[in-house]
Amino acid sequence: MSKRKILFLVSAMLVGALVIANLALAQDPGMPHMEREKGRPMGLPDLTTEQLTKLQRIELEHQKAILPLRAQLQTKQLELYTLIIEDTDWEKINAKIEEIGKIHTDLQKKQVSQRVAIRKLLTDEQKIHFDAREIRCGGSSDIKGCRGHK
């Protein structure tokens, strides 16, 4: 099989996988942060209606802010895979890795900003629960809960 056919097949598979993943995420009904932990939204005790409304607004704004970054990240990762397959120029590959790293940094900044905004809404007792979740999740917590940790 020629190098071009292999490149086309790998690219098509990656694009297909990304499309399927995005469709699966798009079908998640409701606000993801509303998942209940021990019967309480976000696992936090005694959330008021006002707090819940503000949390939903923060989550929506966060999702709007990170959606373009996630799309850029997927595009850059596909570009990296393409470079690896068709061009072994290490300067180009390393430059693409740097671009991906910058997007990861931007995403993390937005996630931390969201956590700070959420903490500002919480009472002292709620902050204890929120912070404990961060510790329990090994720093990989998001609004939905632990990613891959329970």
N, C-alpha and C. Protein backbone atom coordinates (compact mmCIF):
# COMPACT_ATOMS: atom_id res chain seq x y z
N MET A 1 0.85 -1.17 0.00
CA MET A 1 0.00 0.00 0.00
C MET A 1 0.90 1.24 0.00
N SER A 2 0.51 2.21 -0.80
CA SER A 2 1.35 3.40 -0.91
C SER A 2 1.22 4.29 0.33
N LYS A 3 2.20 5.14 0.48
CA LYS A 3 2.24 6.05 1.63
C LYS A 3 1.02 6.97 1.64
N ARG A 4 0.58 7.41 0.46
CA ARG A 4 -0.59 8.29 0.37
C ARG A 4 -1.86 7.59 0.80
N LYS A 5 -2.02 6.33 0.42
CA LYS A 5 -3.21 5.58 0.83
C LYS A 5 -3.23 5.38 2.34
N ILE A 6 -2.09 5.08 2.91
CA ILE A 6 -2.00 4.91 4.36
C ILE A 6 -2.34 6.21 5.06
N LEU A 7 -1.79 7.31 4.57
CA LEU A 7 -2.07 8.63 5.14
C LEU A 7 -3.56 8.93 5.07
N PHE A 8 -4.16 8.65 3.92
CA PHE A 8 -5.59 8.91 3.75
C PHE A 8 -6.41 8.06 4.71
N LEU A 9 -6.09 6.79 4.83
CA LEU A 9 -6.84 5.90 5.73
C LEU A 9 -6.72 6.33 7.19
N VAL A 10 -5.51 6.65 7.61
CA VAL A 10 -5.31 7.08 9.00
C VAL A 10 -6.04 8.39 9.25
N SER A 11 -5.94 9.33 8.34
CA SER A 11 -6.63 10.61 8.50
C SER A 11 -8.14 10.42 8.54
N ALA A 12 -8.65 9.58 7.66
CA ALA A 12 -10.09 9.32 7.64
C ALA A 12 -10.56 8.68 8.94
N MET A 13 -9.76 7.74 9.46
CA MET A 13 -10.12 7.09 10.73
C MET A 13 -10.11 8.09 11.87
N LEU A 14 -9.11 8.97 11.91
CA LEU A 14 -9.04 9.97 12.98
C LEU A 14 -10.20 10.96 12.90
N VAL A 15 -10.49 11.42 11.71
CA VAL A 15 -11.61 12.35 11.54
C VAL A 15 -12.91 11.66 11.94
N GLY A 16 -13.10 10.42 11.53
CA GLY A 16 -14.30 9.67 11.90
C GLY A 16 -14.42 9.52 13.40
N ALA A 17 -13.30 9.19 14.06
CA ALA A 17 -13.33 9.03 15.52
C ALA A 17 -13.67 10.35 16.20
N LEU A 18 -13.13 11.46 15.71
CA LEU A 18 -13.43 12.76 16.30
C LEU A 18 -14.89 13.15 16.09
N VAL A 19 -15.43 12.86 14.92
CA VAL A 19 -16.83 13.17 14.65
C VAL A 19 -17.74 12.36 15.58
N ILE A 20 -17.45 11.08 15.73
CA ILE A 20 -18.25 10.23 16.61
C ILE A 20 -18.16 10.72 18.05
N ALA A 21 -16.95 11.08 18.50
CA ALA A 21 -16.79 11.57 19.87
C ALA A 21 -17.57 12.86 20.08
N ASN A 22 -17.51 13.77 19.11
CA ASN A 22 -18.26 15.02 19.24
C ASN A 22 -19.76 14.80 19.24
N LEU A 23 -20.24 13.87 18.42
CA LEU A 23 -21.67 13.56 18.42
C LEU A 23 -22.11 12.97 19.75
N ALA A 24 -21.29 12.12 20.31
CA ALA A 24 -21.62 11.54 21.61
C ALA A 24 -21.68 12.61 22.69
N LEU A 25 -20.75 13.55 22.66
CA LEU A 25 -20.76 14.63 23.64
C LEU A 25 -21.96 15.56 23.43
N ALA A 26 -22.33 15.78 22.19
CA ALA A 26 -23.43 16.69 21.89
C ALA A 26 -24.77 16.13 22.36
N GLN A 27 -24.88 14.81 22.50
CA GLN A 27 -26.13 14.21 22.90
C GLN A 27 -26.30 14.11 24.40
N ASP A 28 -25.38 14.65 25.17
CA ASP A 28 -25.49 14.62 26.62
C ASP A 28 -26.58 15.61 27.04
N PRO A 29 -27.71 15.12 27.53
CA PRO A 29 -28.80 16.03 27.86
C PRO A 29 -28.53 16.79 29.15
N GLY A 30 -29.06 18.00 29.22
CA GLY A 30 -28.98 18.76 30.46
C GLY A 30 -27.60 19.37 30.67
N MET A 31 -27.47 20.03 31.80
CA MET A 31 -26.21 20.64 32.17
C MET A 31 -25.33 19.60 32.83
N PRO A 32 -24.12 19.36 32.30
CA PRO A 32 -23.29 18.30 32.85
C PRO A 32 -22.94 18.51 34.32
N HIS A 33 -22.83 19.74 34.76
CA HIS A 33 -22.46 19.97 36.15
C HIS A 33 -23.59 19.64 37.11
N MET A 34 -24.75 19.33 36.56
CA MET A 34 -25.88 19.03 37.41
C MET A 34 -25.90 17.57 37.86
N GLU A 35 -24.91 16.80 37.41
CA GLU A 35 -24.85 15.43 37.87
C GLU A 35 -24.89 15.41 39.38
N ARG A 36 -25.58 14.47 39.90
CA ARG A 36 -25.75 14.42 41.35
C ARG A 36 -24.77 13.46 41.98
N GLU A 37 -24.23 13.90 43.05
CA GLU A 37 -23.32 13.10 43.86
C GLU A 37 -23.93 13.06 45.24
N LYS A 38 -24.29 11.87 45.68
CA LYS A 38 -24.95 11.70 46.97
C LYS A 38 -26.24 12.53 47.03
N GLY A 39 -26.95 12.63 45.89
CA GLY A 39 -28.23 13.33 45.87
C GLY A 39 -28.13 14.84 45.84
N ARG A 40 -26.94 15.40 45.72
CA ARG A 40 -26.77 16.86 45.73
C ARG A 40 -26.08 17.28 44.44
N PRO A 41 -26.56 18.37 43.81
CA PRO A 41 -25.86 18.86 42.61
C PRO A 41 -24.39 19.14 42.93
N MET A 42 -23.52 18.61 42.09
CA MET A 42 -22.06 18.78 42.24
C MET A 42 -21.55 18.23 43.57
N GLY A 43 -22.38 17.50 44.29
CA GLY A 43 -21.95 16.97 45.58
C GLY A 43 -21.86 18.04 46.66
N LEU A 44 -22.43 19.21 46.40
CA LEU A 44 -22.33 20.32 47.34
C LEU A 44 -23.60 20.40 48.19
N PRO A 45 -23.44 20.61 49.48
CA PRO A 45 -24.61 20.70 50.35
C PRO A 45 -25.28 22.06 50.28
N ASP A 46 -26.59 22.06 50.44
CA ASP A 46 -27.37 23.29 50.65
C ASP A 46 -27.17 24.37 49.60
N LEU A 47 -27.16 23.99 48.33
CA LEU A 47 -27.08 25.01 47.28
C LEU A 47 -28.42 25.74 47.20
N THR A 48 -28.37 27.06 47.13
CA THR A 48 -29.58 27.84 46.97
C THR A 48 -29.95 27.87 45.48
N THR A 49 -31.17 28.28 45.22
CA THR A 49 -31.62 28.42 43.83
C THR A 49 -30.75 29.44 43.10
N GLU A 50 -30.41 30.51 43.79
CA GLU A 50 -29.56 31.55 43.19
C GLU A 50 -28.17 30.99 42.86
N GLN A 51 -27.59 30.22 43.77
CA GLN A 51 -26.28 29.61 43.51
C GLN A 51 -26.37 28.68 42.32
N LEU A 52 -27.41 27.88 42.27
CA LEU A 52 -27.57 26.92 41.18
C LEU A 52 -27.70 27.64 39.84
N THR A 53 -28.45 28.71 39.81
CA THR A 53 -28.60 29.49 38.58
C THR A 53 -27.26 30.08 38.15
N LYS A 54 -26.52 30.62 39.09
CA LYS A 54 -25.21 31.19 38.76
C LYS A 54 -24.23 30.11 38.31
N LEU A 55 -24.29 28.93 38.93
CA LEU A 55 -23.42 27.82 38.52
C LEU A 55 -23.74 27.40 37.09
N GLN A 56 -25.01 27.36 36.75
CA GLN A 56 -25.40 27.01 35.38
C GLN A 56 -24.87 28.05 34.39
N ARG A 57 -24.93 29.31 34.76
CA ARG A 57 -24.43 30.39 33.89
C ARG A 57 -22.91 30.26 33.71
N ILE A 58 -22.21 30.01 34.81
CA ILE A 58 -20.75 29.84 34.73
C ILE A 58 -20.41 28.65 33.83
N GLU A 59 -21.12 27.54 33.99
CA GLU A 59 -20.87 26.35 33.17
C GLU A 59 -21.12 26.64 31.69
N LEU A 60 -22.21 27.32 31.39
CA LEU A 60 -22.52 27.64 30.00
C LEU A 60 -21.45 28.53 29.38
N GLU A 61 -21.04 29.55 30.09
CA GLU A 61 -19.99 30.45 29.59
C GLU A 61 -18.67 29.70 29.41
N HIS A 62 -18.39 28.81 30.35
CA HIS A 62 -17.16 28.02 30.25
C HIS A 62 -17.18 27.13 29.01
N GLN A 63 -18.31 26.46 28.77
CA GLN A 63 -18.42 25.59 27.60
C GLN A 63 -18.28 26.39 26.30
N LYS A 64 -18.88 27.59 26.28
CA LYS A 64 -18.74 28.45 25.09
C LYS A 64 -17.28 28.84 24.86
N ALA A 65 -16.56 29.08 25.96
CA ALA A 65 -15.17 29.53 25.84
C ALA A 65 -14.23 28.41 25.42
N ILE A 66 -14.49 27.19 25.88
CA ILE A 66 -13.54 26.12 25.58
C ILE A 66 -13.85 25.37 24.29
N LEU A 67 -15.06 25.49 23.77
CA LEU A 67 -15.41 24.77 22.55
C LEU A 67 -14.47 25.07 21.39
N PRO A 68 -14.17 26.36 21.10
CA PRO A 68 -13.23 26.62 20.01
C PRO A 68 -11.83 26.08 20.29
N LEU A 69 -11.42 26.12 21.55
CA LEU A 69 -10.09 25.59 21.90
C LEU A 69 -10.03 24.08 21.68
N ARG A 70 -11.09 23.39 22.04
CA ARG A 70 -11.12 21.93 21.82
C ARG A 70 -11.08 21.61 20.34
N ALA A 71 -11.78 22.41 19.53
CA ALA A 71 -11.76 22.20 18.08
C ALA A 71 -10.35 22.44 17.53
N GLN A 72 -9.70 23.52 18.01
CA GLN A 72 -8.32 23.81 17.59
C GLN A 72 -7.40 22.66 18.00
N LEU A 73 -7.59 22.16 19.20
CA LEU A 73 -6.75 21.07 19.70
C LEU A 73 -6.88 19.84 18.80
N GLN A 74 -8.11 19.48 18.46
CA GLN A 74 -8.31 18.32 17.58
C GLN A 74 -7.66 18.53 16.22
N THR A 75 -7.80 19.73 15.69
CA THR A 75 -7.20 20.03 14.39
C THR A 75 -5.68 19.92 14.45
N LYS A 76 -5.08 20.51 15.49
CA LYS A 76 -3.62 20.46 15.63
C LYS A 76 -3.13 19.03 15.84
N GLN A 77 -3.90 18.22 16.56
CA GLN A 77 -3.50 16.83 16.76
C GLN A 77 -3.55 16.06 15.44
N LEU A 78 -4.56 16.32 14.63
CA LEU A 78 -4.62 15.69 13.30
C LEU A 78 -3.45 16.14 12.44
N GLU A 79 -3.12 17.42 12.51
CA GLU A 79 -1.98 17.93 11.75
C GLU A 79 -0.68 17.27 12.21
N LEU A 80 -0.56 17.05 13.52
CA LEU A 80 0.63 16.37 14.05
C LEU A 80 0.72 14.95 13.51
N TYR A 81 -0.39 14.22 13.56
CA TYR A 81 -0.38 12.85 13.05
C TYR A 81 -0.03 12.82 11.58
N THR A 82 -0.54 13.79 10.83
CA THR A 82 -0.21 13.87 9.41
C THR A 82 1.28 14.12 9.22
N LEU A 83 1.85 15.02 10.00
CA LEU A 83 3.30 15.29 9.90
C LEU A 83 4.10 14.04 10.23
N ILE A 84 3.69 13.31 11.23
CA ILE A 84 4.42 12.11 11.63
C ILE A 84 4.41 11.08 10.50
N ILE A 85 3.25 10.96 9.83
CA ILE A 85 3.12 9.95 8.78
C ILE A 85 3.84 10.35 7.50
N GLU A 86 3.69 11.60 7.09
CA GLU A 86 4.22 11.94 5.77
C GLU A 86 5.51 12.74 5.79
N ASP A 87 5.89 13.26 6.95
CA ASP A 87 7.08 14.11 6.98
C ASP A 87 7.78 13.94 8.33
N THR A 88 9.00 13.50 8.31
CA THR A 88 9.71 13.29 9.57
C THR A 88 10.62 14.48 9.91
N ASP A 89 10.23 15.66 9.43
CA ASP A 89 10.98 16.87 9.74
C ASP A 89 10.71 17.23 11.21
N TRP A 90 11.71 17.00 12.05
CA TRP A 90 11.54 17.18 13.49
C TRP A 90 11.23 18.61 13.88
N GLU A 91 11.71 19.58 13.11
CA GLU A 91 11.39 20.97 13.43
C GLU A 91 9.89 21.24 13.29
N LYS A 92 9.30 20.73 12.22
CA LYS A 92 7.86 20.91 12.01
C LYS A 92 7.06 20.15 13.08
N ILE A 93 7.50 18.93 13.39
CA ILE A 93 6.81 18.11 14.39
C ILE A 93 6.88 18.79 15.76
N ASN A 94 8.06 19.25 16.14
CA ASN A 94 8.21 19.91 17.44
C ASN A 94 7.42 21.22 17.50
N ALA A 95 7.38 21.95 16.40
CA ALA A 95 6.60 23.19 16.37
C ALA A 95 5.12 22.88 16.58
N LYS A 96 4.63 21.81 15.97
CA LYS A 96 3.22 21.42 16.13
C LYS A 96 2.96 21.00 17.56
N ILE A 97 3.90 20.29 18.18
CA ILE A 97 3.75 19.89 19.58
C ILE A 97 3.68 21.13 20.47
N GLU A 98 4.47 22.15 20.16
CA GLU A 98 4.42 23.40 20.93
C GLU A 98 3.05 24.07 20.79
N GLU A 99 2.49 24.06 19.58
CA GLU A 99 1.17 24.64 19.36
C GLU A 99 0.12 23.90 20.19
N ILE A 100 0.21 22.57 20.21
CA ILE A 100 -0.72 21.76 21.01
C ILE A 100 -0.55 22.06 22.49
N GLY A 101 0.68 22.22 22.93
CA GLY A 101 0.94 22.54 24.33
C GLY A 101 0.34 23.88 24.73
N LYS A 102 0.40 24.86 23.84
CA LYS A 102 -0.18 26.17 24.14
C LYS A 102 -1.70 26.07 24.29
N ILE A 103 -2.32 25.28 23.45
CA ILE A 103 -3.77 25.11 23.56
C ILE A 103 -4.13 24.42 24.87
N HIS A 104 -3.35 23.40 25.25
CA HIS A 104 -3.58 22.74 26.54
C HIS A 104 -3.46 23.75 27.69
N THR A 105 -2.46 24.62 27.61
CA THR A 105 -2.27 25.64 28.64
C THR A 105 -3.47 26.59 28.69
N ASP A 106 -3.94 27.01 27.53
CA ASP A 106 -5.11 27.90 27.48
C ASP A 106 -6.35 27.22 28.08
N LEU A 107 -6.53 25.95 27.77
CA LEU A 107 -7.66 25.20 28.34
C LEU A 107 -7.56 25.12 29.86
N GLN A 108 -6.38 24.83 30.36
CA GLN A 108 -6.21 24.72 31.80
C GLN A 108 -6.45 26.06 32.49
N LYS A 109 -6.02 27.15 31.88
CA LYS A 109 -6.27 28.48 32.45
C LYS A 109 -7.77 28.73 32.56
N LYS A 110 -8.51 28.36 31.53
CA LYS A 110 -9.96 28.56 31.56
C LYS A 110 -10.62 27.66 32.62
N GLN A 111 -10.12 26.44 32.78
CA GLN A 111 -10.68 25.54 33.80
C GLN A 111 -10.42 26.08 35.20
N VAL A 112 -9.23 26.58 35.43
CA VAL A 112 -8.91 27.14 36.75
C VAL A 112 -9.74 28.40 37.00
N SER A 113 -9.89 29.21 35.98
CA SER A 113 -10.72 30.41 36.11
C SER A 113 -12.15 30.05 36.48
N GLN A 114 -12.66 29.00 35.88
CA GLN A 114 -14.01 28.53 36.19
C GLN A 114 -14.10 28.08 37.65
N ARG A 115 -13.12 27.32 38.11
CA ARG A 115 -13.12 26.84 39.50
C ARG A 115 -13.09 28.01 40.48
N VAL A 116 -12.29 29.02 40.18
CA VAL A 116 -12.21 30.20 41.05
C VAL A 116 -13.57 30.91 41.08
N ALA A 117 -14.21 31.05 39.91
CA ALA A 117 -15.53 31.69 39.85
C ALA A 117 -16.56 30.90 40.67
N ILE A 118 -16.49 29.58 40.59
CA ILE A 118 -17.42 28.75 41.36
C ILE A 118 -17.18 28.92 42.85
N ARG A 119 -15.91 28.88 43.26
CA ARG A 119 -15.58 29.02 44.69
C ARG A 119 -16.11 30.33 45.26
N LYS A 120 -16.11 31.39 44.46
CA LYS A 120 -16.59 32.69 44.93
C LYS A 120 -18.09 32.66 45.27
N LEU A 121 -18.82 31.74 44.67
CA LEU A 121 -20.26 31.64 44.93
C LEU A 121 -20.59 30.83 46.19
N LEU A 122 -19.64 30.07 46.67
CA LEU A 122 -19.91 29.08 47.71
C LEU A 122 -19.71 29.62 49.12
N THR A 123 -20.43 29.01 50.04
CA THR A 123 -20.23 29.29 51.46
C THR A 123 -18.96 28.56 51.91
N ASP A 124 -18.50 28.85 53.10
CA ASP A 124 -17.30 28.20 53.62
C ASP A 124 -17.47 26.68 53.66
N GLU A 125 -18.63 26.21 54.10
CA GLU A 125 -18.87 24.75 54.17
C GLU A 125 -18.87 24.14 52.77
N GLN A 126 -19.49 24.80 51.83
CA GLN A 126 -19.52 24.30 50.45
C GLN A 126 -18.13 24.28 49.83
N LYS A 127 -17.32 25.28 50.16
CA LYS A 127 -15.94 25.31 49.66
C LYS A 127 -15.15 24.09 50.15
N ILE A 128 -15.40 23.67 51.39
CA ILE A 128 -14.71 22.49 51.93
C ILE A 128 -15.05 21.27 51.08
N HIS A 129 -16.32 21.09 50.74
CA HIS A 129 -16.75 19.96 49.91
C HIS A 129 -16.18 20.08 48.49
N PHE A 130 -16.21 21.27 47.94
CA PHE A 130 -15.70 21.51 46.59
C PHE A 130 -14.20 21.21 46.53
N ASP A 131 -13.44 21.72 47.51
CA ASP A 131 -12.00 21.50 47.54
C ASP A 131 -11.66 20.03 47.79
N ALA A 132 -12.45 19.36 48.62
CA ALA A 132 -12.21 17.94 48.89
C ALA A 132 -12.38 17.12 47.62
N ARG A 133 -13.30 17.53 46.79
CA ARG A 133 -13.51 16.83 45.52
C ARG A 133 -12.28 16.98 44.63
N GLU A 134 -11.69 18.17 44.65
CA GLU A 134 -10.47 18.40 43.87
C GLU A 134 -9.35 17.46 44.35
N ILE A 135 -9.22 17.34 45.65
CA ILE A 135 -8.17 16.48 46.23
C ILE A 135 -8.46 15.02 45.90
N ARG A 136 -9.71 14.62 46.08
CA ARG A 136 -10.10 13.23 45.83
C ARG A 136 -9.86 12.83 44.38
N CYS A 137 -10.03 13.77 43.50
CA CYS A 137 -9.88 13.49 42.07
C CYS A 137 -8.44 13.64 41.58
N GLY A 138 -7.54 13.93 42.49
CA GLY A 138 -6.14 14.04 42.10
C GLY A 138 -5.86 15.19 41.17
N GLY A 139 -6.62 16.27 41.29
CA GLY A 139 -6.40 17.44 40.44
C GLY A 139 -7.00 17.31 39.06
N SER A 140 -7.73 16.21 38.80
CA SER A 140 -8.32 16.02 37.47
C SER A 140 -9.83 16.18 37.51
N SER A 141 -10.30 17.02 38.38
CA SER A 141 -11.73 17.25 38.52
C SER A 141 -12.19 18.31 37.53
N ASP A 142 -13.39 18.16 37.07
CA ASP A 142 -14.04 19.24 36.34
C ASP A 142 -15.45 19.36 36.92
N ILE A 143 -16.26 20.18 36.32
CA ILE A 143 -17.59 20.43 36.87
C ILE A 143 -18.41 19.14 36.91
N LYS A 144 -18.17 18.23 36.00
CA LYS A 144 -18.91 16.97 35.97
C LYS A 144 -18.51 16.06 37.11
N GLY A 145 -17.35 16.25 37.66
CA GLY A 145 -16.85 15.37 38.71
C GLY A 145 -15.45 14.93 38.35
N CYS A 146 -15.08 13.80 38.88
CA CYS A 146 -13.74 13.26 38.62
C CYS A 146 -13.71 12.68 37.21
N ARG A 147 -12.63 12.95 36.50
CA ARG A 147 -12.43 12.34 35.20
C ARG A 147 -11.60 11.10 35.36
N GLY A 148 -12.26 9.95 35.29
CA GLY A 148 -11.53 8.70 35.37
C GLY A 148 -11.17 8.30 36.80
N HIS A 149 -11.60 9.06 37.78
CA HIS A 149 -11.33 8.75 39.18
C HIS A 149 -12.64 8.72 39.94
N LYS A 150 -12.76 7.85 40.86
CA LYS A 150 -13.94 7.84 41.74
C LYS A 150 -13.52 7.50 43.12
